Amino acid sequence: LASSLGIEGVAFSAEPTWDELRDMVYDARLEEL
């Protein structure tokens, strides 16, 4: 998902919380719009 949204350089050893992931998805969609 991070790759498909163009989110680069994310360390998988420190994956985000669900809230942070949701915010990243929303931010990516806002950028698309």
PDB file of all heavy atoms in Angstrom:
ATOM      1  N   LEU A   1       0.829  -1.199   0.000  1.00  0.00           N
ATOM      2  CA  LEU A   1       0.000   0.000   0.000  1.00  0.00           C
ATOM      3  C   LEU A   1       0.868   1.256   0.000  1.00  0.00           C
ATOM      4  O   LEU A   1       0.634   2.183  -0.779  1.00  0.00           O
ATOM      5  CB  LEU A   1      -0.934   0.013   1.217  1.00  0.00           C
ATOM      6  CG  LEU A   1      -1.801   1.252   1.396  1.00  0.00           C
ATOM      7  CD1 LEU A   1      -2.752   1.404   0.215  1.00  0.00           C
ATOM      8  CD2 LEU A   1      -2.575   1.159   2.704  1.00  0.00           C
ATOM      9  N   ALA A   2       1.890   1.264   0.856  1.00  0.00           N
ATOM     10  CA  ALA A   2       2.781   2.426   0.911  1.00  0.00           C
ATOM     11  C   ALA A   2       3.439   2.654  -0.437  1.00  0.00           C
ATOM     12  O   ALA A   2       3.505   3.789  -0.929  1.00  0.00           O
ATOM     13  CB  ALA A   2       3.829   2.228   2.002  1.00  0.00           C
ATOM     14  N   SER A   3       3.890   1.582  -1.065  1.00  0.00           N
ATOM     15  CA  SER A   3       4.528   1.689  -2.373  1.00  0.00           C
ATOM     16  C   SER A   3       3.543   2.199  -3.422  1.00  0.00           C
ATOM     17  O   SER A   3       3.868   3.083  -4.216  1.00  0.00           O
ATOM     18  CB  SER A   3       5.092   0.329  -2.781  1.00  0.00           C
ATOM     19  OG  SER A   3       5.659   0.398  -4.061  1.00  0.00           O
ATOM     20  N   SER A   4       2.328   1.674  -3.430  1.00  0.00           N
ATOM     21  CA  SER A   4       1.344   2.105  -4.422  1.00  0.00           C
ATOM     22  C   SER A   4       0.930   3.562  -4.232  1.00  0.00           C
ATOM     23  O   SER A   4       0.522   4.220  -5.180  1.00  0.00           O
ATOM     24  CB  SER A   4       0.114   1.200  -4.386  1.00  0.00           C
ATOM     25  OG  SER A   4      -0.647   1.441  -3.215  1.00  0.00           O
ATOM     26  N   LEU A   5       1.060   4.065  -3.014  1.00  0.00           N
ATOM     27  CA  LEU A   5       0.719   5.462  -2.741  1.00  0.00           C
ATOM     28  C   LEU A   5       1.927   6.386  -2.878  1.00  0.00           C
ATOM     29  O   LEU A   5       1.816   7.582  -2.630  1.00  0.00           O
ATOM     30  CB  LEU A   5       0.117   5.598  -1.340  1.00  0.00           C
ATOM     31  CG  LEU A   5      -1.233   4.907  -1.135  1.00  0.00           C
ATOM     32  CD1 LEU A   5      -1.632   4.960   0.326  1.00  0.00           C
ATOM     33  CD2 LEU A   5      -2.297   5.544  -2.013  1.00  0.00           C
ATOM     34  N   GLY A   6       3.058   5.813  -3.227  1.00  0.00           N
ATOM     35  CA  GLY A   6       4.251   6.619  -3.404  1.00  0.00           C
ATOM     36  C   GLY A   6       4.918   7.011  -2.100  1.00  0.00           C
ATOM     37  O   GLY A   6       5.696   7.957  -2.056  1.00  0.00           O
ATOM     38  N   ILE A   7       4.632   6.298  -1.033  1.00  0.00           N
ATOM     39  CA  ILE A   7       5.271   6.577   0.262  1.00  0.00           C
ATOM     40  C   ILE A   7       6.582   5.819   0.283  1.00  0.00           C
ATOM     41  O   ILE A   7       6.617   4.598   0.284  1.00  0.00           O
ATOM     42  CB  ILE A   7       4.362   6.148   1.426  1.00  0.00           C
ATOM     43  CG1 ILE A   7       3.016   6.869   1.358  1.00  0.00           C
ATOM     44  CG2 ILE A   7       5.045   6.400   2.764  1.00  0.00           C
ATOM     45  CD1 ILE A   7       1.986   6.348   2.336  1.00  0.00           C
ATOM     46  N   GLU A   8       7.669   6.562   0.297  1.00  0.00           N
ATOM     47  CA  GLU A   8       9.003   5.956   0.217  1.00  0.00           C
ATOM     48  C   GLU A   8       9.719   6.055   1.558  1.00  0.00           C
ATOM     49  O   GLU A   8       9.420   6.923   2.375  1.00  0.00           O
ATOM     50  CB  GLU A   8       9.833   6.657  -0.853  1.00  0.00           C
ATOM     51  CG  GLU A   8       9.221   6.622  -2.240  1.00  0.00           C
ATOM     52  CD  GLU A   8       9.105   5.226  -2.816  1.00  0.00           C
ATOM     53  OE1 GLU A   8       9.948   4.370  -2.484  1.00  0.00           O
ATOM     54  OE2 GLU A   8       8.161   4.982  -3.592  1.00  0.00           O
ATOM     55  N   GLY A   9      10.702   5.195   1.724  1.00  0.00           N
ATOM     56  CA  GLY A   9      11.596   5.283   2.868  1.00  0.00           C
ATOM     57  C   GLY A   9      10.957   4.926   4.200  1.00  0.00           C
ATOM     58  O   GLY A   9      11.417   5.356   5.242  1.00  0.00           O
ATOM     59  N   VAL A  10       9.911   4.124   4.191  1.00  0.00           N
ATOM     60  CA  VAL A  10       9.261   3.729   5.437  1.00  0.00           C
ATOM     61  C   VAL A  10       9.999   2.526   6.001  1.00  0.00           C
ATOM     62  O   VAL A  10      10.216   1.543   5.301  1.00  0.00           O
ATOM     63  CB  VAL A  10       7.773   3.388   5.197  1.00  0.00           C
ATOM     64  CG1 VAL A  10       7.134   2.889   6.471  1.00  0.00           C
ATOM     65  CG2 VAL A  10       7.035   4.588   4.645  1.00  0.00           C
ATOM     66  N   ALA A  11      10.395   2.623   7.264  1.00  0.00           N
ATOM     67  CA  ALA A  11      11.086   1.509   7.924  1.00  0.00           C
ATOM     68  C   ALA A  11      10.047   0.520   8.435  1.00  0.00           C
ATOM     69  O   ALA A  11       9.189   0.869   9.228  1.00  0.00           O
ATOM     70  CB  ALA A  11      11.934   2.028   9.077  1.00  0.00           C
ATOM     71  N   PHE A  12      10.111  -0.714   7.973  1.00  0.00           N
ATOM     72  CA  PHE A  12       9.111  -1.698   8.368  1.00  0.00           C
ATOM     73  C   PHE A  12       9.314  -2.178   9.803  1.00  0.00           C
ATOM     74  O   PHE A  12       8.415  -2.738  10.383  1.00  0.00           O
ATOM     75  CB  PHE A  12       9.116  -2.882   7.402  1.00  0.00           C
ATOM     76  CG  PHE A  12       8.651  -2.490   6.035  1.00  0.00           C
ATOM     77  CD1 PHE A  12       9.525  -2.446   4.969  1.00  0.00           C
ATOM     78  CD2 PHE A  12       7.335  -2.135   5.828  1.00  0.00           C
ATOM     79  CE1 PHE A  12       9.086  -2.074   3.715  1.00  0.00           C
ATOM     80  CE2 PHE A  12       6.891  -1.761   4.566  1.00  0.00           C
ATOM     81  CZ  PHE A  12       7.776  -1.719   3.514  1.00  0.00           C
ATOM     82  N   SER A  13      10.487  -1.956  10.369  1.00  0.00           N
ATOM     83  CA  SER A  13      10.685  -2.347  11.756  1.00  0.00           C
ATOM     84  C   SER A  13       9.931  -1.419  12.691  1.00  0.00           C
ATOM     85  O   SER A  13       9.686  -1.753  13.831  1.00  0.00           O
ATOM     86  CB  SER A  13      12.178  -2.341  12.110  1.00  0.00           C
ATOM     87  OG  SER A  13      12.692  -1.034  11.950  1.00  0.00           O
ATOM     88  N   ALA A  14       9.560  -0.241  12.197  1.00  0.00           N
ATOM     89  CA  ALA A  14       8.809   0.717  13.003  1.00  0.00           C
ATOM     90  C   ALA A  14       7.541   1.091  12.250  1.00  0.00           C
ATOM     91  O   ALA A  14       7.306   2.244  11.940  1.00  0.00           O
ATOM     92  CB  ALA A  14       9.659   1.947  13.289  1.00  0.00           C
ATOM     93  N   GLU A  15       6.740   0.070  11.893  1.00  0.00           N
ATOM     94  CA  GLU A  15       5.545   0.337  11.118  1.00  0.00           C
ATOM     95  C   GLU A  15       4.616   1.270  11.893  1.00  0.00           C
ATOM     96  O   GLU A  15       4.603   1.278  13.113  1.00  0.00           O
ATOM     97  CB  GLU A  15       4.820  -0.948  10.701  1.00  0.00           C
ATOM     98  CG  GLU A  15       4.374  -1.837  11.806  1.00  0.00           C
ATOM     99  CD  GLU A  15       5.455  -2.800  12.246  1.00  0.00           C
ATOM    100  OE1 GLU A  15       6.461  -2.983  11.550  1.00  0.00           O
ATOM    101  OE2 GLU A  15       5.288  -3.361  13.321  1.00  0.00           O
ATOM    102  N   PRO A  16       3.849   2.054  11.150  1.00  0.00           N
ATOM    103  CA  PRO A  16       2.993   3.037  11.808  1.00  0.00           C
ATOM    104  C   PRO A  16       1.810   2.389  12.514  1.00  0.00           C
ATOM    105  O   PRO A  16       1.470   1.241  12.248  1.00  0.00           O
ATOM    106  CB  PRO A  16       2.505   3.898  10.640  1.00  0.00           C
ATOM    107  CG  PRO A  16       2.536   2.978   9.465  1.00  0.00           C
ATOM    108  CD  PRO A  16       3.720   2.070   9.716  1.00  0.00           C
ATOM    109  N   THR A  17       1.211   3.164  13.386  1.00  0.00           N
ATOM    110  CA  THR A  17      -0.025   2.703  14.005  1.00  0.00           C
ATOM    111  C   THR A  17      -1.120   2.752  12.955  1.00  0.00           C
ATOM    112  O   THR A  17      -0.950   3.350  11.883  1.00  0.00           O
ATOM    113  CB  THR A  17      -0.421   3.615  15.178  1.00  0.00           C
ATOM    114  OG1 THR A  17      -0.717   4.918  14.657  1.00  0.00           O
ATOM    115  CG2 THR A  17       0.695   3.698  16.215  1.00  0.00           C
ATOM    116  N   TRP A  18      -2.253   2.164  13.250  1.00  0.00           N
ATOM    117  CA  TRP A  18      -3.372   2.198  12.308  1.00  0.00           C
ATOM    118  C   TRP A  18      -3.801   3.636  12.032  1.00  0.00           C
ATOM    119  O   TRP A  18      -4.129   3.992  10.907  1.00  0.00           O
ATOM    120  CB  TRP A  18      -4.545   1.370  12.821  1.00  0.00           C
ATOM    121  CG  TRP A  18      -4.258  -0.097  12.759  1.00  0.00           C
ATOM    122  CD1 TRP A  18      -4.082  -0.953  13.800  1.00  0.00           C
ATOM    123  CD2 TRP A  18      -4.081  -0.887  11.577  1.00  0.00           C
ATOM    124  NE1 TRP A  18      -3.807  -2.222  13.353  1.00  0.00           N
ATOM    125  CE2 TRP A  18      -3.808  -2.209  11.980  1.00  0.00           C
ATOM    126  CE3 TRP A  18      -4.132  -0.612  10.211  1.00  0.00           C
ATOM    127  CZ2 TRP A  18      -3.587  -3.244  11.088  1.00  0.00           C
ATOM    128  CZ3 TRP A  18      -3.915  -1.650   9.321  1.00  0.00           C
ATOM    129  CH2 TRP A  18      -3.643  -2.945   9.759  1.00  0.00           C
ATOM    130  N   ASP A  19      -3.789   4.469  13.068  1.00  0.00           N
ATOM    131  CA  ASP A  19      -4.165   5.880  12.884  1.00  0.00           C
ATOM    132  C   ASP A  19      -3.194   6.591  11.951  1.00  0.00           C
ATOM    133  O   ASP A  19      -3.611   7.352  11.071  1.00  0.00           O
ATOM    134  CB  ASP A  19      -4.223   6.607  14.232  1.00  0.00           C
ATOM    135  CG  ASP A  19      -5.399   6.152  15.085  1.00  0.00           C
ATOM    136  OD1 ASP A  19      -6.383   5.624  14.520  1.00  0.00           O
ATOM    137  OD2 ASP A  19      -5.331   6.331  16.315  1.00  0.00           O
ATOM    138  N   GLU A  20      -1.897   6.338  12.130  1.00  0.00           N
ATOM    139  CA  GLU A  20      -0.902   6.962  11.254  1.00  0.00           C
ATOM    140  C   GLU A  20      -1.050   6.463   9.818  1.00  0.00           C
ATOM    141  O   GLU A  20      -0.948   7.249   8.867  1.00  0.00           O
ATOM    142  CB  GLU A  20       0.515   6.673  11.772  1.00  0.00           C
ATOM    143  CG  GLU A  20       0.827   7.353  13.091  1.00  0.00           C
ATOM    144  CD  GLU A  20       2.119   6.843  13.731  1.00  0.00           C
ATOM    145  OE1 GLU A  20       2.518   5.689  13.468  1.00  0.00           O
ATOM    146  OE2 GLU A  20       2.704   7.617  14.502  1.00  0.00           O
ATOM    147  N   LEU A  21      -1.301   5.171   9.658  1.00  0.00           N
ATOM    148  CA  LEU A  21      -1.495   4.610   8.327  1.00  0.00           C
ATOM    149  C   LEU A  21      -2.721   5.234   7.662  1.00  0.00           C
ATOM    150  O   LEU A  21      -2.680   5.620   6.493  1.00  0.00           O
ATOM    151  CB  LEU A  21      -1.634   3.093   8.408  1.00  0.00           C
ATOM    152  CG  LEU A  21      -1.769   2.336   7.090  1.00  0.00           C
ATOM    153  CD1 LEU A  21      -0.581   2.613   6.180  1.00  0.00           C
ATOM    154  CD2 LEU A  21      -1.919   0.850   7.356  1.00  0.00           C
ATOM    155  N   ARG A  22      -3.807   5.344   8.408  1.00  0.00           N
ATOM    156  CA  ARG A  22      -5.021   5.968   7.874  1.00  0.00           C
ATOM    157  C   ARG A  22      -4.740   7.397   7.432  1.00  0.00           C
ATOM    158  O   ARG A  22      -5.128   7.821   6.350  1.00  0.00           O
ATOM    159  CB  ARG A  22      -6.122   5.954   8.938  1.00  0.00           C
ATOM    160  CG  ARG A  22      -7.442   6.580   8.471  1.00  0.00           C
ATOM    161  CD  ARG A  22      -8.347   6.958   9.620  1.00  0.00           C
ATOM    162  NE  ARG A  22      -7.685   7.966  10.429  1.00  0.00           N
ATOM    163  CZ  ARG A  22      -7.673   7.985  11.762  1.00  0.00           C
ATOM    164  NH1 ARG A  22      -8.290   7.050  12.440  1.00  0.00           N
ATOM    165  NH2 ARG A  22      -7.051   8.941  12.417  1.00  0.00           N
ATOM    166  N   ASP A  23      -4.004   8.153   8.262  1.00  0.00           N
ATOM    167  CA  ASP A  23      -3.674   9.537   7.920  1.00  0.00           C
ATOM    168  C   ASP A  23      -2.831   9.603   6.655  1.00  0.00           C
ATOM    169  O   ASP A  23      -3.022  10.491   5.819  1.00  0.00           O
ATOM    170  CB  ASP A  23      -2.962  10.230   9.082  1.00  0.00           C
ATOM    171  CG  ASP A  23      -3.877  10.471  10.283  1.00  0.00           C
ATOM    172  OD1 ASP A  23      -5.117  10.369  10.115  1.00  0.00           O
ATOM    173  OD2 ASP A  23      -3.345  10.746  11.375  1.00  0.00           O
ATOM    174  N   MET A  24      -1.884   8.672   6.502  1.00  0.00           N
ATOM    175  CA  MET A  24      -1.058   8.654   5.296  1.00  0.00           C
ATOM    176  C   MET A  24      -1.909   8.395   4.057  1.00  0.00           C
ATOM    177  O   MET A  24      -1.710   9.002   3.008  1.00  0.00           O
ATOM    178  CB  MET A  24       0.053   7.597   5.412  1.00  0.00           C
ATOM    179  CG  MET A  24       1.208   8.017   6.300  1.00  0.00           C
ATOM    180  SD  MET A  24       2.595   6.859   6.184  1.00  0.00           S
ATOM    181  CE  MET A  24       2.149   5.674   7.437  1.00  0.00           C
ATOM    182  N   VAL A  25      -2.867   7.476   4.190  1.00  0.00           N
ATOM    183  CA  VAL A  25      -3.747   7.169   3.059  1.00  0.00           C
ATOM    184  C   VAL A  25      -4.579   8.398   2.711  1.00  0.00           C
ATOM    185  O   VAL A  25      -4.707   8.773   1.538  1.00  0.00           O
ATOM    186  CB  VAL A  25      -4.642   5.954   3.374  1.00  0.00           C
ATOM    187  CG1 VAL A  25      -5.744   5.789   2.325  1.00  0.00           C
ATOM    188  CG2 VAL A  25      -3.800   4.687   3.464  1.00  0.00           C
ATOM    189  N   TYR A  26      -5.143   9.048   3.722  1.00  0.00           N
ATOM    190  CA  TYR A  26      -5.937  10.257   3.474  1.00  0.00           C
ATOM    191  C   TYR A  26      -5.088  11.348   2.824  1.00  0.00           C
ATOM    192  O   TYR A  26      -5.522  11.999   1.873  1.00  0.00           O
ATOM    193  CB  TYR A  26      -6.544  10.797   4.760  1.00  0.00           C
ATOM    194  CG  TYR A  26      -7.690   9.966   5.311  1.00  0.00           C
ATOM    195  CD1 TYR A  26      -8.000  10.000   6.667  1.00  0.00           C
ATOM    196  CD2 TYR A  26      -8.484   9.161   4.492  1.00  0.00           C
ATOM    197  CE1 TYR A  26      -9.048   9.242   7.183  1.00  0.00           C
ATOM    198  CE2 TYR A  26      -9.525   8.407   4.998  1.00  0.00           C
ATOM    199  CZ  TYR A  26      -9.805   8.457   6.351  1.00  0.00           C
ATOM    200  OH  TYR A  26     -10.841   7.730   6.845  1.00  0.00           O
ATOM    201  N   ASP A  27      -3.877  11.546   3.320  1.00  0.00           N
ATOM    202  CA  ASP A  27      -2.988  12.566   2.758  1.00  0.00           C
ATOM    203  C   ASP A  27      -2.680  12.265   1.291  1.00  0.00           C
ATOM    204  O   ASP A  27      -2.689  13.155   0.443  1.00  0.00           O
ATOM    205  CB  ASP A  27      -1.684  12.661   3.549  1.00  0.00           C
ATOM    206  CG  ASP A  27      -1.881  13.242   4.944  1.00  0.00           C
ATOM    207  OD1 ASP A  27      -2.954  13.882   5.176  1.00  0.00           O
ATOM    208  OD2 ASP A  27      -0.983  13.079   5.784  1.00  0.00           O
ATOM    209  N   ALA A  28      -2.405  10.988   1.005  1.00  0.00           N
ATOM    210  CA  ALA A  28      -2.098  10.598  -0.367  1.00  0.00           C
ATOM    211  C   ALA A  28      -3.302  10.844  -1.291  1.00  0.00           C
ATOM    212  O   ALA A  28      -3.149  11.309  -2.405  1.00  0.00           O
ATOM    213  CB  ALA A  28      -1.664   9.141  -0.427  1.00  0.00           C
ATOM    214  N   ARG A  29      -4.481  10.527  -0.817  1.00  0.00           N
ATOM    215  CA  ARG A  29      -5.691  10.739  -1.629  1.00  0.00           C
ATOM    216  C   ARG A  29      -5.958  12.235  -1.833  1.00  0.00           C
ATOM    217  O   ARG A  29      -6.376  12.647  -2.931  1.00  0.00           O
ATOM    218  CB  ARG A  29      -6.892  10.075  -0.980  1.00  0.00           C
ATOM    219  CG  ARG A  29      -6.788   8.572  -1.084  1.00  0.00           C
ATOM    220  CD  ARG A  29      -8.099   7.924  -1.008  1.00  0.00           C
ATOM    221  NE  ARG A  29      -7.905   6.485  -1.176  1.00  0.00           N
ATOM    222  CZ  ARG A  29      -8.824   5.617  -0.927  1.00  0.00           C
ATOM    223  NH1 ARG A  29     -10.002   5.996  -0.517  1.00  0.00           N
ATOM    224  NH2 ARG A  29      -8.585   4.338  -1.105  1.00  0.00           N
ATOM    225  N   LEU A  30      -5.721  13.039  -0.803  1.00  0.00           N
ATOM    226  CA  LEU A  30      -5.889  14.482  -0.951  1.00  0.00           C
ATOM    227  C   LEU A  30      -4.942  15.037  -2.007  1.00  0.00           C
ATOM    228  O   LEU A  30      -5.319  15.900  -2.801  1.00  0.00           O
ATOM    229  CB  LEU A  30      -5.676  15.196   0.384  1.00  0.00           C
ATOM    230  CG  LEU A  30      -6.813  15.094   1.399  1.00  0.00           C
ATOM    231  CD1 LEU A  30      -6.397  15.692   2.727  1.00  0.00           C
ATOM    232  CD2 LEU A  30      -8.060  15.787   0.860  1.00  0.00           C
ATOM    233  N   GLU A  31      -3.703  14.536  -2.015  1.00  0.00           N
ATOM    234  CA  GLU A  31      -2.723  14.967  -3.006  1.00  0.00           C
ATOM    235  C   GLU A  31      -3.199  14.599  -4.412  1.00  0.00           C
ATOM    236  O   GLU A  31      -2.999  15.349  -5.361  1.00  0.00           O
ATOM    237  CB  GLU A  31      -1.354  14.363  -2.725  1.00  0.00           C
ATOM    238  CG  GLU A  31      -0.640  14.997  -1.540  1.00  0.00           C
ATOM    239  CD  GLU A  31       0.702  14.342  -1.259  1.00  0.00           C
ATOM    240  OE1 GLU A  31       1.249  13.645  -2.151  1.00  0.00           O
ATOM    241  OE2 GLU A  31       1.217  14.527  -0.141  1.00  0.00           O
ATOM    242  N   GLU A  32      -3.795  13.409  -4.555  1.00  0.00           N
ATOM    243  CA  GLU A  32      -4.302  12.974  -5.859  1.00  0.00           C
ATOM    244  C   GLU A  32      -5.414  13.894  -6.367  1.00  0.00           C
ATOM    245  O   GLU A  32      -5.524  14.134  -7.549  1.00  0.00           O
ATOM    246  CB  GLU A  32      -4.829  11.545  -5.780  1.00  0.00           C
ATOM    247  CG  GLU A  32      -3.766  10.490  -5.640  1.00  0.00           C
ATOM    248  CD  GLU A  32      -4.372   9.101  -5.445  1.00  0.00           C
ATOM    249  OE1 GLU A  32      -5.609   8.942  -5.497  1.00  0.00           O
ATOM    250  OE2 GLU A  32      -3.577   8.163  -5.224  1.00  0.00           O
ATOM    251  N   LEU A  33      -6.229  14.391  -5.436  1.00  0.00           N
ATOM    252  CA  LEU A  33      -7.361  15.223  -5.808  1.00  0.00           C
ATOM    253  C   LEU A  33      -6.947  16.649  -6.184  1.00  0.00           C
ATOM    254  O   LEU A  33      -7.721  17.363  -6.815  1.00  0.00           O
ATOM    255  CB  LEU A  33      -8.401  15.271  -4.678  1.00  0.00           C
ATOM    256  CG  LEU A  33      -9.084  13.923  -4.374  1.00  0.00           C
ATOM    257  CD1 LEU A  33      -9.951  14.046  -3.144  1.00  0.00           C
ATOM    258  CD2 LEU A  33      -9.916  13.477  -5.575  1.00  0.00           C
TER     259      LEU A  33
END
